[in-house]
Structures are given as structure tokens and as C-alpha cells.
Amino acid sequence: MECEPTQECREATANKLMAELGKDAVYLSPYDDVNIIAGQGTMGLEILEDVSSLDAIVVPVGGGGMLSGICVAVKGMNPKIEILAAEPLNADDCAKSFAAGRKIPNQSPPKTVADGLKVSVGDITWPIIRENISDVITVTEDEIISAMKLVFERMKLVIEPSAAVGVAAILTKRFKENYSSLTNICVVLCGGNVDMEKLPWMK
């Protein structure tokens, strides 16, 4: 069953499908579920196993499942490690929420090339994020595309625009001015779901 690529349409379609399937259907949020959060947290554990000295982790944020899971795992093991969220400026509900100290969802479907981050932070993920991150760094569409292209060209890795958001964040003037003391930084490249025929820098 297909639907429009918006949070509202996805939820409405899921509810419609569940109604059709009846009691055998179970809805599982892709981010706002404790089991999903726990599963995503294993990334944090793997990072700590592979990197002996770490100052900060930069994690893209949409619904917040990955970010909150990494927060729980990493802060539980080493509270001194800073966790920074990276978010598209065009879908900046987490940044606005963090600044206000309360959850402020996106008021309309965001328009961003980082299509994996178009959803607002969840009811379960938000309190975990609020209590554990140091900052939310927002990036423009041009910065996302430039970072994605940089990773393709220099690292020879295929990443999706959502994954490029973290890279874009550490290249911003704000990051360099506020976090220049951080030397060992991990940036989570969260996926490679990209249509090679429609790369965002190709016109």
C-alpha cells in the first residue's frame, strides 16, 4: 500500500492497513518504540568498542530513535562523551524543541533533501534526547548536498542525504567556533539509501 511521503500520510496509511488486517496487525514505530531505541543503541556500544578515546559523537536526527538509542548506550558507559544532534534547517523541530525545553513538532511537512529526517522527534525519544545531548546543529540544503558529495569523492562511500547531515554539521562555522576543543569525533553515517540516477548535485 503506497502513500505520500509525509508523516501524517504514513501514519494514516498504517492505521488503514491495520484496520483491514485486524487483530493480526501490529504497528511498530520506526523510531518511537523502546525496542527500536534499544536496538539502535547497539551502534553506540559498537562505537565505544572500536574507538578507545572519544570526545564526541555527531548523530543525525529525525524521529530520534537512533539518537536516543545512542544517547542511552553511550552516556551509560561514559557520561563525559558529548553527543551532538545534526538536523536539516528545513526540518528543525529538534533544534527548536531543544532551545525551548519542550517538544515542538514540525508544523508542516518539511521540504528537505534529507528525506529520512522529515519526521518530528517522538514522544518517547524526545525526553531522552533532551536530557543527554549537548546541542543541535542545523545545516542548510546546500551544506547537506556539499557534504554528501565530499564523502562520495574523498571517502568513496555511498551515503544518503540524511547521513550527510552529520558531516555537514561538523563543517559548519558554528561547530568550529563552539567545539574546536574536541579532537576525537565520531560522525554516524546512517545509511546509503540513494537513487544513483538522481544524485542531488546532478541537474
N, C-alpha and C. Protein backbone atom coordinates (compact mmCIF):
# COMPACT_ATOMS: atom_id res chain seq x y z
N MET A 1 0.85 -1.18 0.00
CA MET A 1 0.00 0.00 0.00
C MET A 1 0.89 1.25 0.00
N GLU A 2 0.78 2.06 -1.03
CA GLU A 2 1.62 3.24 -1.15
C GLU A 2 0.92 4.46 -0.55
N CYS A 3 1.74 5.47 -0.21
CA CYS A 3 1.18 6.71 0.34
C CYS A 3 2.13 7.85 0.05
N GLU A 4 1.68 9.06 0.32
CA GLU A 4 2.52 10.24 0.16
C GLU A 4 3.66 10.19 1.19
N PRO A 5 4.82 10.76 0.86
CA PRO A 5 5.97 10.69 1.78
C PRO A 5 5.92 11.74 2.89
N THR A 6 4.85 11.73 3.68
CA THR A 6 4.74 12.63 4.82
C THR A 6 4.43 11.81 6.06
N GLN A 7 4.75 12.35 7.22
CA GLN A 7 4.50 11.63 8.46
C GLN A 7 3.02 11.35 8.64
N GLU A 8 2.18 12.34 8.35
CA GLU A 8 0.73 12.18 8.52
C GLU A 8 0.18 11.09 7.62
N CYS A 9 0.60 11.09 6.35
CA CYS A 9 0.11 10.09 5.40
C CYS A 9 0.59 8.69 5.75
N ARG A 10 1.83 8.58 6.20
CA ARG A 10 2.34 7.27 6.58
C ARG A 10 1.56 6.69 7.76
N GLU A 11 1.29 7.54 8.75
CA GLU A 11 0.56 7.07 9.92
C GLU A 11 -0.88 6.71 9.57
N ALA A 12 -1.51 7.53 8.70
CA ALA A 12 -2.88 7.25 8.28
C ALA A 12 -2.96 5.96 7.47
N THR A 13 -1.99 5.74 6.61
CA THR A 13 -1.97 4.52 5.80
C THR A 13 -1.72 3.29 6.66
N ALA A 14 -0.84 3.42 7.64
CA ALA A 14 -0.58 2.31 8.55
C ALA A 14 -1.84 1.96 9.34
N ASN A 15 -2.55 2.97 9.81
CA ASN A 15 -3.79 2.72 10.56
C ASN A 15 -4.85 2.06 9.67
N LYS A 16 -4.91 2.50 8.42
CA LYS A 16 -5.88 1.91 7.47
C LYS A 16 -5.55 0.44 7.22
N LEU A 17 -4.27 0.16 7.04
CA LEU A 17 -3.84 -1.21 6.79
C LEU A 17 -4.10 -2.10 8.01
N MET A 18 -3.87 -1.57 9.20
CA MET A 18 -4.13 -2.33 10.42
C MET A 18 -5.61 -2.64 10.57
N ALA A 19 -6.46 -1.67 10.20
CA ALA A 19 -7.90 -1.89 10.28
C ALA A 19 -8.33 -2.99 9.32
N GLU A 20 -7.70 -3.05 8.16
CA GLU A 20 -8.03 -4.07 7.17
C GLU A 20 -7.56 -5.45 7.61
N LEU A 21 -6.39 -5.51 8.23
CA LEU A 21 -5.81 -6.79 8.63
C LEU A 21 -6.36 -7.31 9.95
N GLY A 22 -6.89 -6.40 10.75
CA GLY A 22 -7.49 -6.82 12.01
C GLY A 22 -6.48 -7.10 13.10
N LYS A 23 -6.82 -8.03 13.99
CA LYS A 23 -6.03 -8.26 15.20
C LYS A 23 -4.63 -8.82 14.94
N ASP A 24 -4.40 -9.35 13.76
CA ASP A 24 -3.08 -9.89 13.44
C ASP A 24 -2.06 -8.81 13.12
N ALA A 25 -2.52 -7.59 12.91
CA ALA A 25 -1.61 -6.50 12.55
C ALA A 25 -1.09 -5.80 13.81
N VAL A 26 0.20 -5.55 13.83
CA VAL A 26 0.83 -4.86 14.95
C VAL A 26 1.62 -3.68 14.39
N TYR A 27 1.37 -2.50 14.93
CA TYR A 27 2.09 -1.32 14.46
C TYR A 27 3.40 -1.17 15.26
N LEU A 28 4.48 -0.99 14.55
CA LEU A 28 5.78 -0.78 15.18
C LEU A 28 6.37 0.50 14.62
N SER A 29 6.51 1.50 15.48
CA SER A 29 7.09 2.76 15.04
C SER A 29 8.54 2.56 14.63
N PRO A 30 8.99 3.21 13.56
CA PRO A 30 10.39 3.07 13.16
C PRO A 30 11.35 3.81 14.08
N TYR A 31 10.82 4.57 15.05
CA TYR A 31 11.71 5.31 15.96
C TYR A 31 11.15 5.45 17.37
N ASP A 32 9.85 5.60 17.52
CA ASP A 32 9.28 5.91 18.84
C ASP A 32 8.80 4.65 19.55
N ASP A 33 9.73 3.74 19.79
CA ASP A 33 9.43 2.45 20.40
C ASP A 33 10.65 2.02 21.20
N VAL A 34 10.44 1.56 22.42
CA VAL A 34 11.57 1.23 23.29
C VAL A 34 12.46 0.13 22.70
N ASN A 35 11.87 -0.81 21.97
CA ASN A 35 12.67 -1.87 21.38
C ASN A 35 13.53 -1.36 20.23
N ILE A 36 12.97 -0.45 19.45
CA ILE A 36 13.74 0.17 18.37
C ILE A 36 14.88 1.00 18.95
N ILE A 37 14.59 1.76 19.98
CA ILE A 37 15.60 2.58 20.64
C ILE A 37 16.74 1.70 21.18
N ALA A 38 16.37 0.60 21.81
CA ALA A 38 17.38 -0.32 22.35
C ALA A 38 18.24 -0.91 21.24
N GLY A 39 17.60 -1.29 20.14
CA GLY A 39 18.34 -1.83 19.01
C GLY A 39 19.30 -0.82 18.41
N GLN A 40 18.83 0.41 18.25
CA GLN A 40 19.68 1.47 17.72
C GLN A 40 20.85 1.77 18.65
N GLY A 41 20.64 1.56 19.93
CA GLY A 41 21.69 1.82 20.91
C GLY A 41 22.91 0.95 20.74
N THR A 42 22.75 -0.20 20.06
CA THR A 42 23.90 -1.07 19.85
C THR A 42 24.97 -0.38 19.00
N MET A 43 24.56 0.59 18.19
CA MET A 43 25.55 1.37 17.43
C MET A 43 26.50 2.09 18.38
N GLY A 44 25.94 2.65 19.42
CA GLY A 44 26.76 3.35 20.41
C GLY A 44 27.75 2.41 21.07
N LEU A 45 27.29 1.21 21.40
CA LEU A 45 28.18 0.23 22.03
C LEU A 45 29.31 -0.18 21.08
N GLU A 46 28.98 -0.34 19.80
CA GLU A 46 29.99 -0.72 18.81
C GLU A 46 31.02 0.40 18.64
N ILE A 47 30.56 1.63 18.67
CA ILE A 47 31.48 2.77 18.56
C ILE A 47 32.47 2.76 19.72
N LEU A 48 31.94 2.55 20.93
CA LEU A 48 32.82 2.54 22.11
C LEU A 48 33.78 1.36 22.10
N GLU A 49 33.36 0.26 21.52
CA GLU A 49 34.25 -0.90 21.42
C GLU A 49 35.38 -0.66 20.44
N ASP A 50 35.10 0.08 19.38
CA ASP A 50 36.08 0.28 18.31
C ASP A 50 36.98 1.50 18.50
N VAL A 51 36.51 2.47 19.28
CA VAL A 51 37.28 3.71 19.47
C VAL A 51 37.64 3.85 20.94
N SER A 52 38.92 3.83 21.23
CA SER A 52 39.35 3.83 22.63
C SER A 52 39.25 5.20 23.29
N SER A 53 39.44 6.26 22.50
CA SER A 53 39.39 7.61 23.05
C SER A 53 38.45 8.45 22.20
N LEU A 54 37.38 8.91 22.80
CA LEU A 54 36.35 9.62 22.04
C LEU A 54 35.85 10.83 22.82
N ASP A 55 35.79 11.98 22.15
CA ASP A 55 35.29 13.20 22.79
C ASP A 55 33.82 13.44 22.51
N ALA A 56 33.38 13.11 21.29
CA ALA A 56 32.01 13.43 20.90
C ALA A 56 31.51 12.52 19.79
N ILE A 57 30.19 12.39 19.72
CA ILE A 57 29.54 11.66 18.64
C ILE A 57 28.49 12.60 18.03
N VAL A 58 28.49 12.70 16.72
CA VAL A 58 27.52 13.54 15.99
C VAL A 58 26.54 12.61 15.30
N VAL A 59 25.24 12.79 15.59
CA VAL A 59 24.21 11.87 15.10
C VAL A 59 23.09 12.64 14.41
N PRO A 60 22.76 12.29 13.17
CA PRO A 60 21.60 12.91 12.52
C PRO A 60 20.32 12.58 13.28
N VAL A 61 19.36 13.51 13.26
CA VAL A 61 18.12 13.27 14.00
C VAL A 61 16.89 13.57 13.14
N GLY A 62 15.96 12.63 13.17
CA GLY A 62 14.64 12.81 12.57
C GLY A 62 13.63 12.51 13.65
N GLY A 63 13.16 11.25 13.69
CA GLY A 63 12.27 10.83 14.77
C GLY A 63 12.99 10.63 16.09
N GLY A 64 14.30 10.38 16.00
CA GLY A 64 15.10 10.30 17.22
C GLY A 64 15.39 8.92 17.75
N GLY A 65 14.99 7.87 17.04
CA GLY A 65 15.26 6.52 17.52
C GLY A 65 16.74 6.22 17.61
N MET A 66 17.46 6.55 16.55
CA MET A 66 18.90 6.31 16.54
C MET A 66 19.61 7.19 17.56
N LEU A 67 19.27 8.47 17.58
CA LEU A 67 19.91 9.40 18.50
C LEU A 67 19.66 9.02 19.95
N SER A 68 18.42 8.74 20.30
CA SER A 68 18.10 8.41 21.69
C SER A 68 18.74 7.09 22.10
N GLY A 69 18.78 6.11 21.19
CA GLY A 69 19.42 4.84 21.50
C GLY A 69 20.91 5.01 21.77
N ILE A 70 21.57 5.81 20.93
CA ILE A 70 22.99 6.07 21.13
C ILE A 70 23.21 6.84 22.42
N CYS A 71 22.31 7.78 22.72
CA CYS A 71 22.41 8.52 23.98
C CYS A 71 22.41 7.59 25.18
N VAL A 72 21.45 6.68 25.22
CA VAL A 72 21.31 5.77 26.36
C VAL A 72 22.55 4.90 26.51
N ALA A 73 23.00 4.32 25.39
CA ALA A 73 24.13 3.40 25.45
C ALA A 73 25.43 4.11 25.79
N VAL A 74 25.70 5.21 25.11
CA VAL A 74 26.98 5.89 25.29
C VAL A 74 27.06 6.60 26.63
N LYS A 75 26.03 7.33 27.00
CA LYS A 75 26.05 8.04 28.28
C LYS A 75 26.07 7.06 29.45
N GLY A 76 25.47 5.89 29.25
CA GLY A 76 25.51 4.88 30.29
C GLY A 76 26.91 4.32 30.52
N MET A 77 27.69 4.31 29.45
CA MET A 77 29.05 3.79 29.54
C MET A 77 30.07 4.87 29.87
N ASN A 78 29.87 6.06 29.30
CA ASN A 78 30.83 7.16 29.51
C ASN A 78 30.10 8.51 29.42
N PRO A 79 29.62 9.02 30.55
CA PRO A 79 28.86 10.27 30.55
C PRO A 79 29.64 11.49 30.05
N LYS A 80 30.96 11.39 29.98
CA LYS A 80 31.77 12.53 29.57
C LYS A 80 31.74 12.77 28.06
N ILE A 81 31.36 11.77 27.30
CA ILE A 81 31.32 11.93 25.85
C ILE A 81 30.14 12.83 25.47
N GLU A 82 30.42 13.85 24.68
CA GLU A 82 29.36 14.76 24.23
C GLU A 82 28.64 14.15 23.04
N ILE A 83 27.33 14.31 23.04
CA ILE A 83 26.53 13.85 21.91
C ILE A 83 25.84 15.06 21.29
N LEU A 84 26.08 15.25 20.01
CA LEU A 84 25.53 16.38 19.28
C LEU A 84 24.57 15.88 18.22
N ALA A 85 23.41 16.49 18.14
CA ALA A 85 22.46 16.14 17.09
C ALA A 85 22.70 17.03 15.88
N ALA A 86 22.49 16.47 14.70
CA ALA A 86 22.62 17.22 13.45
C ALA A 86 21.28 17.13 12.72
N GLU A 87 20.80 18.26 12.22
CA GLU A 87 19.44 18.30 11.68
C GLU A 87 19.34 19.27 10.50
N PRO A 88 18.55 18.94 9.49
CA PRO A 88 18.33 19.90 8.40
C PRO A 88 17.62 21.15 8.92
N LEU A 89 18.06 22.30 8.49
CA LEU A 89 17.41 23.54 8.88
C LEU A 89 15.94 23.55 8.47
N ASN A 90 15.62 22.89 7.36
CA ASN A 90 14.25 22.86 6.87
C ASN A 90 13.36 21.87 7.63
N ALA A 91 13.95 21.13 8.57
CA ALA A 91 13.17 20.19 9.39
C ALA A 91 13.71 20.25 10.82
N ASP A 92 13.71 21.46 11.36
CA ASP A 92 14.46 21.73 12.60
C ASP A 92 13.64 21.66 13.88
N ASP A 93 12.70 20.70 13.95
CA ASP A 93 11.88 20.60 15.15
C ASP A 93 12.70 20.25 16.39
N CYS A 94 13.73 19.42 16.23
CA CYS A 94 14.55 19.05 17.39
C CYS A 94 15.33 20.25 17.90
N ALA A 95 15.86 21.05 17.00
CA ALA A 95 16.60 22.26 17.39
C ALA A 95 15.68 23.24 18.12
N LYS A 96 14.50 23.44 17.59
CA LYS A 96 13.54 24.35 18.23
C LYS A 96 13.10 23.79 19.59
N SER A 97 12.88 22.49 19.64
CA SER A 97 12.47 21.86 20.89
C SER A 97 13.56 21.97 21.95
N PHE A 98 14.79 21.73 21.54
CA PHE A 98 15.91 21.78 22.48
C PHE A 98 16.11 23.19 23.02
N ALA A 99 15.95 24.18 22.16
CA ALA A 99 16.09 25.58 22.57
C ALA A 99 14.98 25.99 23.53
N ALA A 100 13.78 25.47 23.29
CA ALA A 100 12.63 25.86 24.11
C ALA A 100 12.46 24.99 25.35
N GLY A 101 13.09 23.82 25.37
CA GLY A 101 12.94 22.91 26.50
C GLY A 101 11.64 22.13 26.49
N ARG A 102 10.95 22.14 25.35
CA ARG A 102 9.70 21.39 25.20
C ARG A 102 9.56 20.95 23.75
N LYS A 103 8.82 19.90 23.53
CA LYS A 103 8.70 19.35 22.18
C LYS A 103 7.86 20.24 21.30
N ILE A 104 8.44 20.65 20.18
CA ILE A 104 7.75 21.49 19.20
C ILE A 104 7.81 20.77 17.86
N PRO A 105 6.76 20.05 17.47
CA PRO A 105 6.80 19.30 16.21
C PRO A 105 6.81 20.23 15.00
N ASN A 106 7.26 19.69 13.87
CA ASN A 106 7.17 20.44 12.62
C ASN A 106 5.70 20.73 12.33
N GLN A 107 5.41 21.96 11.95
CA GLN A 107 4.02 22.36 11.73
C GLN A 107 3.50 21.95 10.36
N SER A 108 4.40 21.69 9.42
CA SER A 108 4.00 21.25 8.09
C SER A 108 5.06 20.27 7.59
N PRO A 109 4.72 19.46 6.59
CA PRO A 109 5.71 18.51 6.07
C PRO A 109 6.98 19.22 5.61
N PRO A 110 8.12 18.89 6.18
CA PRO A 110 9.36 19.58 5.81
C PRO A 110 9.77 19.26 4.37
N LYS A 111 10.42 20.23 3.75
CA LYS A 111 10.96 20.04 2.40
C LYS A 111 12.47 20.04 2.50
N THR A 112 13.05 18.85 2.49
CA THR A 112 14.49 18.71 2.59
C THR A 112 14.95 17.51 1.78
N VAL A 113 16.15 17.62 1.25
CA VAL A 113 16.74 16.52 0.51
C VAL A 113 17.02 15.33 1.43
N ALA A 114 17.15 15.60 2.72
CA ALA A 114 17.38 14.55 3.72
C ALA A 114 16.05 13.91 4.09
N ASP A 115 15.51 13.11 3.18
CA ASP A 115 14.14 12.61 3.35
C ASP A 115 13.97 11.66 4.52
N GLY A 116 15.05 11.09 5.01
CA GLY A 116 14.96 10.21 6.18
C GLY A 116 14.79 10.95 7.48
N LEU A 117 14.90 12.29 7.44
CA LEU A 117 14.82 13.09 8.66
C LEU A 117 13.63 14.04 8.65
N LYS A 118 12.62 13.73 7.88
CA LYS A 118 11.48 14.63 7.76
C LYS A 118 10.50 14.53 8.92
N VAL A 119 10.59 13.50 9.74
CA VAL A 119 9.65 13.32 10.83
C VAL A 119 10.09 14.11 12.07
N SER A 120 9.13 14.42 12.92
CA SER A 120 9.43 15.11 14.18
C SER A 120 9.87 14.09 15.24
N VAL A 121 10.61 14.56 16.24
CA VAL A 121 11.03 13.67 17.31
C VAL A 121 9.80 13.11 18.03
N GLY A 122 9.93 11.89 18.52
CA GLY A 122 8.79 11.20 19.12
C GLY A 122 8.57 11.53 20.58
N ASP A 123 7.45 11.05 21.09
CA ASP A 123 7.11 11.27 22.50
C ASP A 123 8.05 10.52 23.43
N ILE A 124 8.49 9.34 23.01
CA ILE A 124 9.41 8.55 23.83
C ILE A 124 10.84 9.03 23.65
N THR A 125 11.21 9.33 22.41
CA THR A 125 12.60 9.71 22.13
C THR A 125 12.95 11.10 22.64
N TRP A 126 12.01 12.03 22.61
CA TRP A 126 12.31 13.41 22.97
C TRP A 126 12.89 13.59 24.37
N PRO A 127 12.30 13.03 25.43
CA PRO A 127 12.88 13.23 26.77
C PRO A 127 14.31 12.69 26.88
N ILE A 128 14.57 11.58 26.21
CA ILE A 128 15.92 11.00 26.25
C ILE A 128 16.91 11.94 25.56
N ILE A 129 16.50 12.46 24.41
CA ILE A 129 17.35 13.39 23.67
C ILE A 129 17.60 14.66 24.48
N ARG A 130 16.54 15.22 25.00
CA ARG A 130 16.63 16.48 25.75
C ARG A 130 17.62 16.39 26.91
N GLU A 131 17.64 15.26 27.59
CA GLU A 131 18.47 15.11 28.78
C GLU A 131 19.91 14.72 28.48
N ASN A 132 20.20 14.33 27.26
CA ASN A 132 21.53 13.75 27.01
C ASN A 132 22.38 14.45 25.95
N ILE A 133 21.78 15.24 25.08
CA ILE A 133 22.61 15.87 24.05
C ILE A 133 23.15 17.21 24.55
N SER A 134 24.23 17.65 23.90
CA SER A 134 24.82 18.95 24.23
C SER A 134 24.28 20.07 23.36
N ASP A 135 23.86 19.71 22.14
CA ASP A 135 23.47 20.76 21.19
C ASP A 135 22.80 20.11 19.98
N VAL A 136 22.08 20.95 19.21
CA VAL A 136 21.56 20.54 17.91
C VAL A 136 22.11 21.52 16.88
N ILE A 137 22.84 21.01 15.92
CA ILE A 137 23.41 21.85 14.89
C ILE A 137 22.61 21.67 13.61
N THR A 138 22.07 22.77 13.08
CA THR A 138 21.27 22.69 11.86
C THR A 138 22.12 23.05 10.65
N VAL A 139 21.76 22.47 9.52
CA VAL A 139 22.51 22.70 8.28
C VAL A 139 21.55 22.95 7.13
N THR A 140 22.01 23.74 6.17
CA THR A 140 21.19 24.09 5.01
C THR A 140 21.19 22.97 3.98
N GLU A 141 20.30 23.09 3.01
CA GLU A 141 20.24 22.10 1.94
C GLU A 141 21.54 22.07 1.14
N ASP A 142 22.09 23.24 0.85
CA ASP A 142 23.36 23.29 0.11
C ASP A 142 24.49 22.63 0.89
N GLU A 143 24.49 22.82 2.22
CA GLU A 143 25.53 22.20 3.06
C GLU A 143 25.40 20.69 3.08
N ILE A 144 24.16 20.19 3.09
CA ILE A 144 23.92 18.75 3.06
C ILE A 144 24.44 18.14 1.76
N ILE A 145 24.08 18.76 0.66
CA ILE A 145 24.49 18.24 -0.65
C ILE A 145 26.00 18.30 -0.81
N SER A 146 26.60 19.39 -0.37
CA SER A 146 28.06 19.53 -0.46
C SER A 146 28.77 18.46 0.37
N ALA A 147 28.26 18.18 1.57
CA ALA A 147 28.85 17.16 2.44
C ALA A 147 28.70 15.77 1.85
N MET A 148 27.55 15.51 1.26
CA MET A 148 27.30 14.21 0.63
C MET A 148 28.28 14.00 -0.52
N LYS A 149 28.45 15.03 -1.34
CA LYS A 149 29.37 14.94 -2.47
C LYS A 149 30.82 14.75 -1.99
N LEU A 150 31.17 15.43 -0.91
CA LEU A 150 32.51 15.31 -0.34
C LEU A 150 32.81 13.88 0.07
N VAL A 151 31.86 13.23 0.73
CA VAL A 151 32.04 11.84 1.18
C VAL A 151 32.14 10.90 -0.02
N PHE A 152 31.31 11.14 -1.03
CA PHE A 152 31.39 10.33 -2.25
C PHE A 152 32.79 10.43 -2.87
N GLU A 153 33.26 11.66 -3.00
CA GLU A 153 34.51 11.91 -3.72
C GLU A 153 35.76 11.52 -2.93
N ARG A 154 35.80 11.89 -1.66
CA ARG A 154 37.02 11.71 -0.87
C ARG A 154 37.07 10.38 -0.13
N MET A 155 35.93 9.93 0.37
CA MET A 155 35.91 8.68 1.14
C MET A 155 35.48 7.48 0.32
N LYS A 156 34.93 7.75 -0.87
CA LYS A 156 34.46 6.69 -1.77
C LYS A 156 33.37 5.84 -1.10
N LEU A 157 32.49 6.52 -0.36
CA LEU A 157 31.37 5.86 0.31
C LEU A 157 30.06 6.39 -0.24
N VAL A 158 29.12 5.48 -0.48
CA VAL A 158 27.79 5.88 -0.92
C VAL A 158 26.93 6.12 0.31
N ILE A 159 26.58 7.38 0.52
CA ILE A 159 25.71 7.72 1.65
C ILE A 159 24.49 8.47 1.14
N GLU A 160 23.41 8.38 1.89
CA GLU A 160 22.20 9.14 1.54
C GLU A 160 22.30 10.54 2.11
N PRO A 161 21.45 11.46 1.65
CA PRO A 161 21.50 12.83 2.17
C PRO A 161 21.35 12.92 3.68
N SER A 162 20.51 12.07 4.26
CA SER A 162 20.32 12.10 5.72
C SER A 162 21.63 11.80 6.45
N ALA A 163 22.43 10.90 5.89
CA ALA A 163 23.72 10.57 6.50
C ALA A 163 24.71 11.72 6.37
N ALA A 164 24.55 12.52 5.32
CA ALA A 164 25.45 13.65 5.10
C ALA A 164 25.21 14.80 6.06
N VAL A 165 24.08 14.79 6.74
CA VAL A 165 23.75 15.87 7.66
C VAL A 165 24.77 15.97 8.79
N GLY A 166 25.21 14.85 9.31
CA GLY A 166 26.22 14.85 10.38
C GLY A 166 27.55 15.40 9.90
N VAL A 167 27.94 15.03 8.69
CA VAL A 167 29.18 15.54 8.11
C VAL A 167 29.07 17.05 7.90
N ALA A 168 27.93 17.47 7.36
CA ALA A 168 27.71 18.90 7.14
C ALA A 168 27.80 19.68 8.44
N ALA A 169 27.30 19.09 9.52
CA ALA A 169 27.29 19.79 10.82
C ALA A 169 28.69 20.10 11.31
N ILE A 170 29.62 19.13 11.17
CA ILE A 170 30.97 19.37 11.70
C ILE A 170 31.78 20.31 10.81
N LEU A 171 31.25 20.59 9.62
CA LEU A 171 31.93 21.53 8.73
C LEU A 171 31.42 22.96 8.88
N THR A 172 30.40 23.15 9.72
CA THR A 172 29.83 24.49 9.89
C THR A 172 30.73 25.39 10.73
N LYS A 173 30.57 26.68 10.51
CA LYS A 173 31.31 27.67 11.30
C LYS A 173 30.94 27.55 12.78
N ARG A 174 29.67 27.28 13.05
CA ARG A 174 29.20 27.15 14.43
C ARG A 174 29.92 26.01 15.15
N PHE A 175 30.07 24.87 14.48
CA PHE A 175 30.76 23.74 15.10
C PHE A 175 32.22 24.09 15.37
N LYS A 176 32.87 24.69 14.41
CA LYS A 176 34.29 25.02 14.55
C LYS A 176 34.51 26.04 15.67
N GLU A 177 33.59 26.97 15.82
CA GLU A 177 33.74 28.01 16.85
C GLU A 177 33.43 27.46 18.25
N ASN A 178 32.43 26.59 18.35
CA ASN A 178 31.98 26.13 19.67
C ASN A 178 32.63 24.83 20.14
N TYR A 179 33.15 24.04 19.21
CA TYR A 179 33.65 22.73 19.60
C TYR A 179 35.07 22.46 19.09
N SER A 180 35.86 23.50 18.98
CA SER A 180 37.24 23.36 18.50
C SER A 180 38.10 22.54 19.45
N SER A 181 37.69 22.44 20.71
CA SER A 181 38.47 21.67 21.70
C SER A 181 38.30 20.16 21.53
N LEU A 182 37.29 19.76 20.79
CA LEU A 182 37.05 18.33 20.56
C LEU A 182 38.00 17.82 19.49
N THR A 183 38.71 16.77 19.79
CA THR A 183 39.69 16.25 18.83
C THR A 183 39.29 14.90 18.23
N ASN A 184 38.70 14.03 19.04
CA ASN A 184 38.29 12.72 18.55
C ASN A 184 36.77 12.68 18.43
N ILE A 185 36.29 12.79 17.19
CA ILE A 185 34.86 12.92 16.94
C ILE A 185 34.39 11.81 16.02
N CYS A 186 33.31 11.15 16.40
CA CYS A 186 32.69 10.14 15.55
C CYS A 186 31.43 10.73 14.91
N VAL A 187 31.32 10.61 13.60
CA VAL A 187 30.12 11.04 12.89
C VAL A 187 29.41 9.80 12.37
N VAL A 188 28.17 9.62 12.75
CA VAL A 188 27.41 8.45 12.33
C VAL A 188 26.88 8.66 10.91
N LEU A 189 27.32 7.81 9.97
CA LEU A 189 26.82 7.82 8.60
C LEU A 189 25.69 6.81 8.54
N CYS A 190 24.46 7.31 8.63
CA CYS A 190 23.33 6.46 8.99
C CYS A 190 22.64 5.72 7.85
N GLY A 191 23.18 5.76 6.64
CA GLY A 191 22.53 4.98 5.60
C GLY A 191 23.00 5.33 4.20
N GLY A 192 22.70 4.44 3.25
CA GLY A 192 23.08 4.65 1.87
C GLY A 192 21.93 4.47 0.91
N ASN A 193 20.73 4.82 1.34
CA ASN A 193 19.53 4.65 0.52
C ASN A 193 19.42 5.84 -0.45
N VAL A 194 20.04 5.68 -1.61
CA VAL A 194 20.07 6.79 -2.56
C VAL A 194 19.91 6.26 -3.98
N ASP A 195 19.16 6.99 -4.78
CA ASP A 195 18.97 6.66 -6.20
C ASP A 195 20.14 7.24 -6.97
N MET A 196 20.99 6.38 -7.54
CA MET A 196 22.18 6.84 -8.22
C MET A 196 21.86 7.62 -9.49
N GLU A 197 20.62 7.51 -9.97
CA GLU A 197 20.21 8.28 -11.14
C GLU A 197 19.70 9.66 -10.76
N LYS A 198 19.57 9.90 -9.46
CA LYS A 198 19.01 11.19 -9.02
C LYS A 198 19.83 11.80 -7.89
N LEU A 199 21.14 11.80 -8.04
CA LEU A 199 22.00 12.41 -7.05
C LEU A 199 21.70 13.91 -6.99
N PRO A 200 21.64 14.48 -5.79
CA PRO A 200 21.14 15.85 -5.65
C PRO A 200 21.99 16.92 -6.30
N TRP A 201 23.26 16.64 -6.64
CA TRP A 201 24.07 17.65 -7.31
C TRP A 201 24.02 17.52 -8.83
N MET A 202 23.26 16.52 -9.31
CA MET A 202 23.12 16.34 -10.76
C MET A 202 21.87 17.06 -11.24
N LYS A 203 22.01 17.92 -12.19
CA LYS A 203 20.88 18.69 -12.72
C LYS A 203 20.42 18.11 -14.05
